[in-house]
N, C-alpha and C. Protein backbone atom coordinates (compact mmCIF):
# COMPACT_ATOMS: atom_id res chain seq x y z
N MET A 1 86.65 124.90 94.03
CA MET A 1 85.64 123.81 93.90
C MET A 1 84.61 124.39 94.18
N GLU A 2 84.40 125.24 95.19
CA GLU A 2 82.94 125.67 95.66
C GLU A 2 82.13 126.34 94.53
N ALA A 3 82.76 127.09 93.27
CA ALA A 3 81.71 127.35 93.06
C ALA A 3 81.45 126.35 91.40
N ARG A 4 81.98 125.54 91.51
CA ARG A 4 81.65 124.55 90.60
C ARG A 4 80.69 123.24 91.53
N ILE A 5 80.54 123.27 92.50
CA ILE A 5 79.48 123.04 93.43
C ILE A 5 78.32 123.61 93.46
N GLU A 6 78.55 125.11 93.33
CA GLU A 6 77.11 125.86 93.46
C GLU A 6 76.63 125.67 91.69
N LYS A 7 77.57 125.71 90.69
CA LYS A 7 77.40 125.41 89.51
C LYS A 7 76.04 123.90 89.02
N VAL A 8 76.57 123.60 90.13
CA VAL A 8 75.90 121.60 90.17
C VAL A 8 74.62 121.84 90.48
N LYS A 9 74.61 122.51 91.89
CA LYS A 9 73.51 122.79 92.49
C LYS A 9 72.33 123.43 91.63
N GLN A 10 72.98 124.26 91.04
CA GLN A 10 72.01 125.36 90.06
C GLN A 10 71.03 124.43 89.03
N GLN A 11 72.31 123.70 88.29
CA GLN A 11 71.99 122.37 87.04
C GLN A 11 70.86 121.82 87.66
N LEU A 12 71.11 121.20 88.84
CA LEU A 12 69.91 120.38 89.36
C LEU A 12 68.59 121.03 89.59
N GLN A 13 69.01 122.02 90.38
CA GLN A 13 67.51 123.04 90.65
C GLN A 13 66.85 123.54 89.58
N ALA A 14 67.34 123.32 88.53
CA ALA A 14 66.62 123.73 86.99
C ALA A 14 66.03 122.62 86.75
N GLN A 15 66.48 121.49 86.86
CA GLN A 15 65.76 120.22 86.42
C GLN A 15 64.92 119.79 87.85
N GLY A 16 64.33 120.65 88.42
CA GLY A 16 63.61 120.20 89.88
C GLY A 16 64.56 119.14 90.85
N TYR A 17 65.49 118.94 90.79
CA TYR A 17 66.14 118.23 91.56
C TYR A 17 67.01 118.97 92.81
N LYS A 18 67.20 118.40 93.91
CA LYS A 18 68.15 118.93 94.87
C LYS A 18 69.15 118.28 94.92
N LEU A 19 70.59 119.33 95.46
CA LEU A 19 71.89 118.65 96.10
C LEU A 19 71.50 118.20 97.51
N THR A 20 71.13 117.35 97.62
CA THR A 20 71.18 116.33 98.78
C THR A 20 72.69 116.25 99.27
N PRO A 21 72.89 116.03 100.65
CA PRO A 21 73.84 116.06 100.66
C PRO A 21 75.06 114.64 100.60
N GLN A 22 74.59 113.93 99.82
CA GLN A 22 74.81 112.36 99.25
C GLN A 22 74.95 112.37 98.19
N ARG A 23 74.71 113.49 97.56
CA ARG A 23 75.12 114.23 95.82
C ARG A 23 76.12 115.04 95.82
N GLU A 24 76.11 115.80 96.89
CA GLU A 24 77.32 116.53 97.13
C GLU A 24 78.43 115.92 97.26
N ALA A 25 78.50 115.08 98.02
CA ALA A 25 79.47 113.99 98.63
C ALA A 25 80.21 113.46 97.41
N THR A 26 79.19 113.16 96.33
CA THR A 26 79.51 112.53 95.12
C THR A 26 80.53 113.54 94.46
N VAL A 27 79.46 114.62 94.20
CA VAL A 27 80.48 115.44 92.90
C VAL A 27 82.16 115.81 93.63
N ARG A 28 82.18 116.22 94.88
CA ARG A 28 83.35 116.51 96.04
C ARG A 28 83.94 115.54 95.55
N VAL A 29 83.86 114.34 95.60
CA VAL A 29 84.94 113.17 94.87
C VAL A 29 85.10 113.38 93.89
N LEU A 30 84.01 113.40 92.94
CA LEU A 30 84.71 113.73 91.74
C LEU A 30 85.29 114.67 91.19
N LEU A 31 85.17 115.77 91.87
CA LEU A 31 86.04 117.02 91.68
C LEU A 31 87.33 116.87 92.50
N GLU A 32 87.65 116.31 93.07
CA GLU A 32 88.58 115.79 93.84
C GLU A 32 89.93 114.72 93.21
N ASN A 33 89.37 113.96 92.37
CA ASN A 33 89.79 113.15 91.44
C ASN A 33 89.59 113.19 90.00
N GLU A 34 89.33 114.56 89.76
CA GLU A 34 89.02 114.59 88.03
C GLU A 34 90.04 113.79 87.43
N GLU A 35 91.05 113.84 87.18
CA GLU A 35 91.68 113.13 86.57
C GLU A 35 91.91 111.70 86.55
N ASP A 36 91.52 111.14 87.66
CA ASP A 36 91.40 109.51 87.79
C ASP A 36 90.45 108.77 86.84
N HIS A 37 89.11 109.40 86.35
CA HIS A 37 88.54 107.84 85.72
C HIS A 37 87.65 107.18 86.54
N LEU A 38 87.13 108.00 87.56
CA LEU A 38 86.86 106.61 88.79
C LEU A 38 85.65 105.72 88.02
N SER A 39 85.57 104.48 88.61
CA SER A 39 84.29 103.77 88.57
C SER A 39 83.45 104.08 89.76
N ALA A 40 81.92 103.78 89.73
CA ALA A 40 81.24 103.90 90.61
C ALA A 40 81.45 103.34 91.82
N GLU A 41 82.21 102.25 91.58
CA GLU A 41 82.90 101.49 93.34
C GLU A 41 84.04 102.22 93.77
N ASP A 42 84.59 103.18 92.91
CA ASP A 42 86.14 103.81 93.43
C ASP A 42 85.32 105.24 93.94
N VAL A 43 84.32 105.77 93.36
CA VAL A 43 83.60 106.79 93.61
C VAL A 43 82.86 106.31 95.25
N PHE A 44 82.54 105.30 95.23
CA PHE A 44 81.57 104.67 96.63
C PHE A 44 82.73 104.81 97.85
N MET A 45 83.65 104.12 97.22
CA MET A 45 84.68 103.91 98.16
C MET A 45 85.29 105.14 98.51
N LEU A 46 85.74 106.30 98.31
CA LEU A 46 86.01 107.30 98.81
C LEU A 46 85.18 108.41 98.74
N VAL A 47 83.44 108.49 98.67
CA VAL A 47 82.48 108.70 99.16
C VAL A 47 82.56 108.36 100.91
N LYS A 48 82.54 107.26 101.00
CA LYS A 48 82.08 106.50 102.30
C LYS A 48 82.94 107.18 102.96
N GLU A 49 84.31 107.76 102.73
CA GLU A 49 85.22 108.44 103.86
C GLU A 49 84.76 109.58 104.07
N ILE A 50 83.88 110.38 103.21
CA ILE A 50 83.17 111.62 103.64
C ILE A 50 81.74 111.86 104.52
N ALA A 51 80.89 110.49 103.39
CA ALA A 51 79.63 110.04 104.08
C ALA A 51 79.19 108.64 104.44
N PRO A 52 79.94 107.89 105.61
CA PRO A 52 79.82 106.88 106.10
C PRO A 52 78.24 106.34 105.83
N GLU A 53 77.57 106.86 106.12
CA GLU A 53 76.34 106.14 105.97
C GLU A 53 75.58 106.32 104.36
N ILE A 54 76.60 106.61 103.31
CA ILE A 54 75.83 106.27 101.94
C ILE A 54 76.11 105.10 101.77
N GLY A 55 75.04 104.73 100.57
CA GLY A 55 75.12 103.34 100.24
C GLY A 55 75.41 103.08 98.63
N LEU A 56 75.82 102.27 98.42
CA LEU A 56 76.16 102.05 97.04
C LEU A 56 74.86 102.18 95.83
N ALA A 57 74.19 101.68 96.41
CA ALA A 57 72.87 102.09 95.52
C ALA A 57 72.82 103.81 95.04
N THR A 58 72.98 104.52 96.13
CA THR A 58 72.56 105.98 96.07
C THR A 58 73.86 106.47 95.42
N VAL A 59 75.06 105.90 95.47
CA VAL A 59 76.41 106.44 94.34
C VAL A 59 75.86 106.14 93.29
N TYR A 60 75.79 104.98 92.98
CA TYR A 60 75.26 104.73 91.23
C TYR A 60 73.86 105.56 90.55
N ARG A 61 72.55 105.72 92.23
CA ARG A 61 71.70 106.74 91.31
C ARG A 61 72.15 107.98 90.66
N THR A 62 73.04 109.15 91.87
CA THR A 62 73.61 110.21 92.03
C THR A 62 74.33 109.98 90.25
N LEU A 63 75.04 109.38 90.00
CA LEU A 63 75.95 109.03 88.81
C LEU A 63 75.44 109.21 87.38
N GLU A 64 74.07 108.22 87.84
CA GLU A 64 73.29 108.07 86.65
C GLU A 64 72.53 109.41 86.46
N LEU A 65 72.29 110.35 87.48
CA LEU A 65 71.17 111.38 87.10
C LEU A 65 72.70 112.63 86.88
N LEU A 66 73.65 112.45 87.36
CA LEU A 66 74.76 113.49 86.69
C LEU A 66 74.59 113.06 85.29
N SER A 67 74.72 111.69 85.06
CA SER A 67 75.27 111.37 83.13
C SER A 67 74.19 111.98 82.80
N GLU A 68 73.11 111.62 83.11
CA GLU A 68 71.92 112.25 82.30
C GLU A 68 71.64 113.70 82.25
N MET A 69 72.47 114.27 82.87
CA MET A 69 71.83 115.74 82.80
C MET A 69 73.22 116.56 82.42
N HIS A 70 74.21 115.41 81.91
CA HIS A 70 75.54 116.05 81.07
C HIS A 70 76.50 116.91 81.99
N ILE A 71 76.30 116.57 83.39
CA ILE A 71 77.03 117.08 84.36
C ILE A 71 78.31 116.19 84.84
N VAL A 72 78.17 115.12 84.10
CA VAL A 72 79.46 113.64 84.38
C VAL A 72 79.24 113.28 82.91
N GLU A 73 80.57 112.51 82.52
CA GLU A 73 80.48 112.19 81.43
C GLU A 73 80.69 110.52 81.59
N LYS A 74 80.19 109.24 80.97
CA LYS A 74 79.91 108.00 81.32
C LYS A 74 80.60 107.38 80.45
N LEU A 75 82.03 106.73 80.76
CA LEU A 75 82.88 106.63 79.81
C LEU A 75 83.26 105.08 79.80
N ASN A 76 83.55 104.41 78.69
CA ASN A 76 83.64 102.73 78.66
C ASN A 76 84.97 102.52 77.95
N PHE A 77 86.07 102.41 78.61
CA PHE A 77 86.96 102.52 78.07
C PHE A 77 87.21 101.05 77.17
N GLY A 78 86.42 99.81 77.22
CA GLY A 78 86.30 98.15 76.52
C GLY A 78 86.88 97.68 77.18
N ASP A 79 86.71 97.71 78.72
CA ASP A 79 87.17 96.60 79.91
C ASP A 79 85.74 96.16 80.96
N GLY A 80 84.61 96.67 80.17
CA GLY A 80 83.54 96.22 81.23
C GLY A 80 83.16 97.18 82.06
N VAL A 81 83.95 98.57 82.55
CA VAL A 81 83.57 99.04 83.63
C VAL A 81 83.36 100.33 83.31
N ALA A 82 81.94 100.90 84.00
CA ALA A 82 81.97 102.28 83.53
C ALA A 82 82.61 102.97 84.56
N ARG A 83 83.14 104.08 83.76
CA ARG A 83 83.71 105.21 84.36
C ARG A 83 83.57 106.56 84.13
N TYR A 84 83.38 107.29 85.22
CA TYR A 84 82.97 108.76 85.39
C TYR A 84 83.71 109.68 85.06
N ASP A 85 83.81 111.13 84.47
CA ASP A 85 84.66 111.91 84.46
C ASP A 85 83.71 113.46 84.52
N LEU A 86 84.15 114.25 85.48
CA LEU A 86 83.68 115.37 85.44
C LEU A 86 83.91 115.95 84.00
N ARG A 87 82.52 116.73 83.56
CA ARG A 87 83.07 117.46 82.31
C ARG A 87 83.80 118.85 82.64
N ALA A 88 84.30 119.26 81.91
CA ALA A 88 85.13 120.96 82.34
C ALA A 88 83.59 121.89 81.85
N GLU A 89 83.70 122.72 82.56
CA GLU A 89 82.66 123.91 82.40
C GLU A 89 83.49 124.62 81.25
N THR A 90 84.54 125.04 80.64
CA THR A 90 85.02 125.66 79.63
C THR A 90 85.16 125.03 77.81
N ASN A 91 84.82 123.63 78.50
CA ASN A 91 85.12 122.97 77.37
C ASN A 91 83.36 122.80 76.33
N LYS A 92 83.61 123.19 75.17
CA LYS A 92 82.31 122.97 74.40
C LYS A 92 82.08 121.19 74.34
N HIS A 93 83.37 120.53 74.42
CA HIS A 93 83.20 119.10 73.83
C HIS A 93 83.88 118.58 75.07
N HIS A 94 83.97 117.20 75.00
CA HIS A 94 84.75 116.31 75.78
C HIS A 94 85.77 116.58 75.08
N HIS A 95 86.74 116.33 76.34
CA HIS A 95 88.16 115.79 75.91
C HIS A 95 88.13 114.44 75.26
N HIS A 96 89.44 114.15 74.82
CA HIS A 96 89.55 112.59 74.73
C HIS A 96 90.63 112.12 74.62
N HIS A 97 90.67 110.70 74.20
CA HIS A 97 91.25 109.98 75.43
C HIS A 97 92.29 109.06 74.62
N LEU A 98 93.64 109.09 75.08
CA LEU A 98 94.50 107.71 74.83
C LEU A 98 94.68 106.66 75.84
N ILE A 99 94.00 105.09 74.87
CA ILE A 99 93.74 104.39 76.02
C ILE A 99 95.09 103.27 75.24
N CYS A 100 95.56 102.68 76.43
CA CYS A 100 96.90 101.76 76.55
C CYS A 100 96.57 100.41 76.45
N VAL A 101 96.48 99.33 75.31
CA VAL A 101 95.92 98.29 75.44
C VAL A 101 97.02 97.46 76.18
N GLN A 102 98.06 97.67 76.20
CA GLN A 102 98.52 97.04 77.03
C GLN A 102 98.75 96.87 78.53
N CYS A 103 98.95 98.32 78.91
CA CYS A 103 99.33 98.72 80.48
C CYS A 103 98.02 99.16 80.85
N GLY A 104 96.93 99.56 80.18
CA GLY A 104 95.35 100.06 80.73
C GLY A 104 95.47 101.75 80.88
N SER A 105 97.06 102.33 80.98
CA SER A 105 96.76 103.62 81.28
C SER A 105 96.02 104.89 80.12
N MET A 106 95.71 105.98 81.03
CA MET A 106 95.08 106.65 80.23
C MET A 106 95.36 108.16 79.83
N SER A 107 95.56 108.73 78.86
CA SER A 107 96.11 110.08 78.83
C SER A 107 94.71 110.91 77.94
N GLU A 108 94.78 112.07 78.54
CA GLU A 108 93.59 112.94 77.81
C GLU A 108 94.26 114.16 76.77
N ILE A 109 93.54 114.32 75.90
CA ILE A 109 93.92 115.12 75.05
C ILE A 109 92.81 116.25 74.82
N MET A 110 93.19 117.73 75.65
CA MET A 110 92.33 118.62 75.78
C MET A 110 91.86 119.76 74.31
N ASP A 111 93.15 119.31 73.84
CA ASP A 111 92.14 120.22 72.42
C ASP A 111 91.34 119.33 71.79
N ASP A 112 90.78 120.58 71.14
CA ASP A 112 89.30 119.46 70.37
C ASP A 112 89.85 119.86 68.63
N TRP A 113 90.32 118.28 68.14
CA TRP A 113 90.92 118.73 66.86
C TRP A 113 89.53 118.33 65.67
N LEU A 114 88.65 118.24 66.21
CA LEU A 114 87.30 118.29 65.30
C LEU A 114 86.65 118.86 65.04
N THR A 115 86.86 120.37 65.43
CA THR A 115 86.09 121.46 65.06
C THR A 115 85.83 121.62 63.13
N PRO A 116 87.23 121.58 62.82
CA PRO A 116 86.98 121.45 61.36
C PRO A 116 86.29 120.81 60.82
N LEU A 117 85.79 119.39 61.07
CA LEU A 117 85.02 118.39 60.65
C LEU A 117 83.75 118.73 61.12
N GLU A 118 83.56 118.98 62.26
CA GLU A 118 82.23 119.47 62.58
C GLU A 118 81.45 120.86 61.77
N GLU A 119 82.00 121.76 61.60
CA GLU A 119 81.87 122.88 60.61
C GLU A 119 81.76 122.30 59.14
N ARG A 120 82.20 121.08 58.95
CA ARG A 120 82.17 120.65 57.67
C ARG A 120 80.84 119.61 57.79
N LEU A 121 80.67 118.89 58.51
CA LEU A 121 79.30 118.45 58.91
C LEU A 121 78.16 119.28 58.81
N GLU A 122 78.31 120.48 59.20
CA GLU A 122 76.98 121.87 59.18
C GLU A 122 77.03 122.00 58.16
N LYS A 123 78.20 122.42 57.41
CA LYS A 123 78.27 122.98 55.82
C LYS A 123 77.72 122.12 55.03
N GLU A 124 78.19 120.56 54.68
CA GLU A 124 77.74 119.82 53.55
C GLU A 124 76.77 118.73 54.01
N TYR A 125 75.99 118.69 55.69
CA TYR A 125 74.88 118.08 55.51
C TYR A 125 73.74 118.93 56.20
N GLY A 126 74.17 119.92 56.95
CA GLY A 126 73.17 120.30 57.21
C GLY A 126 72.79 119.88 59.11
N PHE A 127 74.26 119.02 59.47
CA PHE A 127 73.87 118.26 60.53
C PHE A 127 74.65 119.62 61.53
N THR A 128 74.05 119.73 62.89
CA THR A 128 74.64 120.27 63.51
C THR A 128 75.30 119.62 64.79
N VAL A 129 76.55 119.40 65.08
CA VAL A 129 76.90 118.50 66.38
C VAL A 129 76.92 119.23 67.69
N LEU A 130 76.20 118.65 68.41
CA LEU A 130 76.27 118.97 69.96
C LEU A 130 77.37 118.26 71.08
N ASP A 131 77.75 116.94 70.29
CA ASP A 131 78.88 117.00 71.11
C ASP A 131 79.80 115.64 70.48
N HIS A 132 80.62 115.06 70.85
CA HIS A 132 81.39 113.97 70.08
C HIS A 132 82.28 113.40 71.29
N ARG A 133 82.91 112.31 71.06
CA ARG A 133 84.06 111.47 71.92
C ARG A 133 84.78 110.92 71.14
N LEU A 134 85.97 111.02 71.38
CA LEU A 134 86.95 110.34 70.41
C LEU A 134 88.17 109.59 71.61
N ASP A 135 87.88 108.27 71.42
CA ASP A 135 88.58 107.39 71.98
C ASP A 135 90.03 106.96 70.88
N PHE A 136 91.07 106.98 71.22
CA PHE A 136 92.17 106.08 70.58
C PHE A 136 92.71 105.02 71.28
N GLN A 137 92.71 103.82 70.74
CA GLN A 137 93.27 102.52 71.68
C GLN A 137 94.62 102.41 70.89
N GLY A 138 95.51 102.09 71.58
CA GLY A 138 96.63 102.05 71.01
C GLY A 138 98.08 101.45 72.34
N ILE A 139 99.39 101.80 71.87
CA ILE A 139 100.45 101.13 73.01
C ILE A 139 101.01 102.69 73.41
N CYS A 140 101.36 102.93 74.77
CA CYS A 140 101.66 104.11 75.21
C CYS A 140 103.25 104.45 74.63
N ALA A 141 103.69 105.26 75.28
CA ALA A 141 105.01 105.39 75.44
C ALA A 141 106.08 104.43 75.72
N LYS A 142 105.53 104.40 77.16
CA LYS A 142 106.18 103.68 77.98
C LYS A 142 106.41 101.96 77.90
N CYS A 143 104.94 101.28 77.01
CA CYS A 143 104.80 100.36 77.04
C CYS A 143 105.68 100.06 75.60
N ASN A 144 105.54 101.18 74.48
CA ASN A 144 106.43 100.98 73.22
C ASN A 144 107.90 101.10 73.73
N GLU A 145 108.21 101.53 74.59
CA GLU A 145 110.04 101.68 75.19
C GLU A 145 110.21 100.04 75.74
N LYS A 146 109.42 99.64 76.48
CA LYS A 146 109.64 98.10 76.90
C LYS A 146 109.58 97.41 76.11
N LEU A 147 108.67 97.46 75.09
CA LEU A 147 108.54 96.29 73.46
C LEU A 147 110.12 96.85 72.95
N LYS A 148 110.26 97.97 72.77
CA LYS A 148 111.48 98.06 72.02
C LYS A 148 113.06 97.25 73.02
N GLU A 149 112.77 97.48 73.79
CA GLU A 149 114.28 96.92 75.06
C GLU A 149 113.81 95.45 74.60
N GLN A 150 112.66 94.98 74.92
CA GLN A 150 112.60 93.95 74.82
C GLN A 150 113.28 93.02 73.24
N GLU A 151 112.71 93.42 71.99
CA GLU A 151 112.76 93.51 70.75
C GLU A 151 114.63 93.46 71.05
N ALA A 152 115.34 94.48 71.42
CA ALA A 152 116.92 94.36 71.10
C ALA A 152 117.34 93.33 72.33
N GLY A 153 117.01 93.59 73.07
CA GLY A 153 117.44 92.19 74.54
C GLY A 153 117.08 90.85 73.52
N GLY A 154 116.07 90.58 72.75
CA GLY A 154 115.75 89.48 72.46
C GLY A 154 116.48 89.22 70.78
N SER A 155 116.80 90.45 70.08
CA SER A 155 117.62 89.88 69.23
C SER A 155 119.15 89.89 69.22
N SER A 156 119.55 90.22 70.18
CA SER A 156 121.17 89.78 70.99
C SER A 156 120.91 88.72 71.43
N GLU A 157 120.01 87.59 72.24
CA GLU A 157 119.97 86.60 72.77
C GLU A 157 119.98 85.64 71.38
N ASP A 158 119.18 86.20 70.18
CA ASP A 158 119.05 85.25 68.78
C ASP A 158 120.41 84.72 68.36
N LYS A 159 121.26 86.26 68.75
CA LYS A 159 122.82 85.97 68.09
C LYS A 159 123.35 85.08 69.08
N VAL A 160 123.35 85.18 70.51
CA VAL A 160 124.59 84.08 70.56
C VAL A 160 123.69 82.96 70.69
N SER A 161 122.63 82.67 70.70
CA SER A 161 122.03 81.41 70.75
C SER A 161 122.35 80.37 69.04
N SER A 162 122.44 81.69 68.31
CA SER A 162 122.60 80.94 66.95
C SER A 162 124.12 80.95 66.46
N GLU A 163 124.88 81.39 67.36
CA GLU A 163 126.36 81.24 67.33
C GLU A 163 127.05 80.00 67.87
N VAL A 164 126.29 79.60 69.07
CA VAL A 164 126.19 78.31 69.75
C VAL A 164 126.10 77.19 69.32
């Protein structure tokens, strides 16, 4: 974790910013909760545990700065809440998401399946893709299973009621 914080510090310094204690606390919370896609309010509540003096506006400003510098990705999954996700150092591109429209769960796809498309765009259109994000909206495995159970249960009830 310390190496990643140092990397963020260097990225900030390269743009003329400092890694203030408030910014460091925010980055630590994002690192500790990397898989959770936290909202600004979520980050604020967790940062307050580390730095009780920090204000919500400071957390918002820090998240916006980190987003502008492409240290974090600002995500919107259609629920009206901006969420923040640290960009992995090893990924050229951001990962992709599977978003369940039933329960709101999110899963990540770490593989970059769009590399062949990017290469084609470069070759055919002379367009160099710097980044992309792909979100799939649908129904997760758990919700699909529940739907199947409901359909199976509902069809047997229909048979009983039609027999009566």
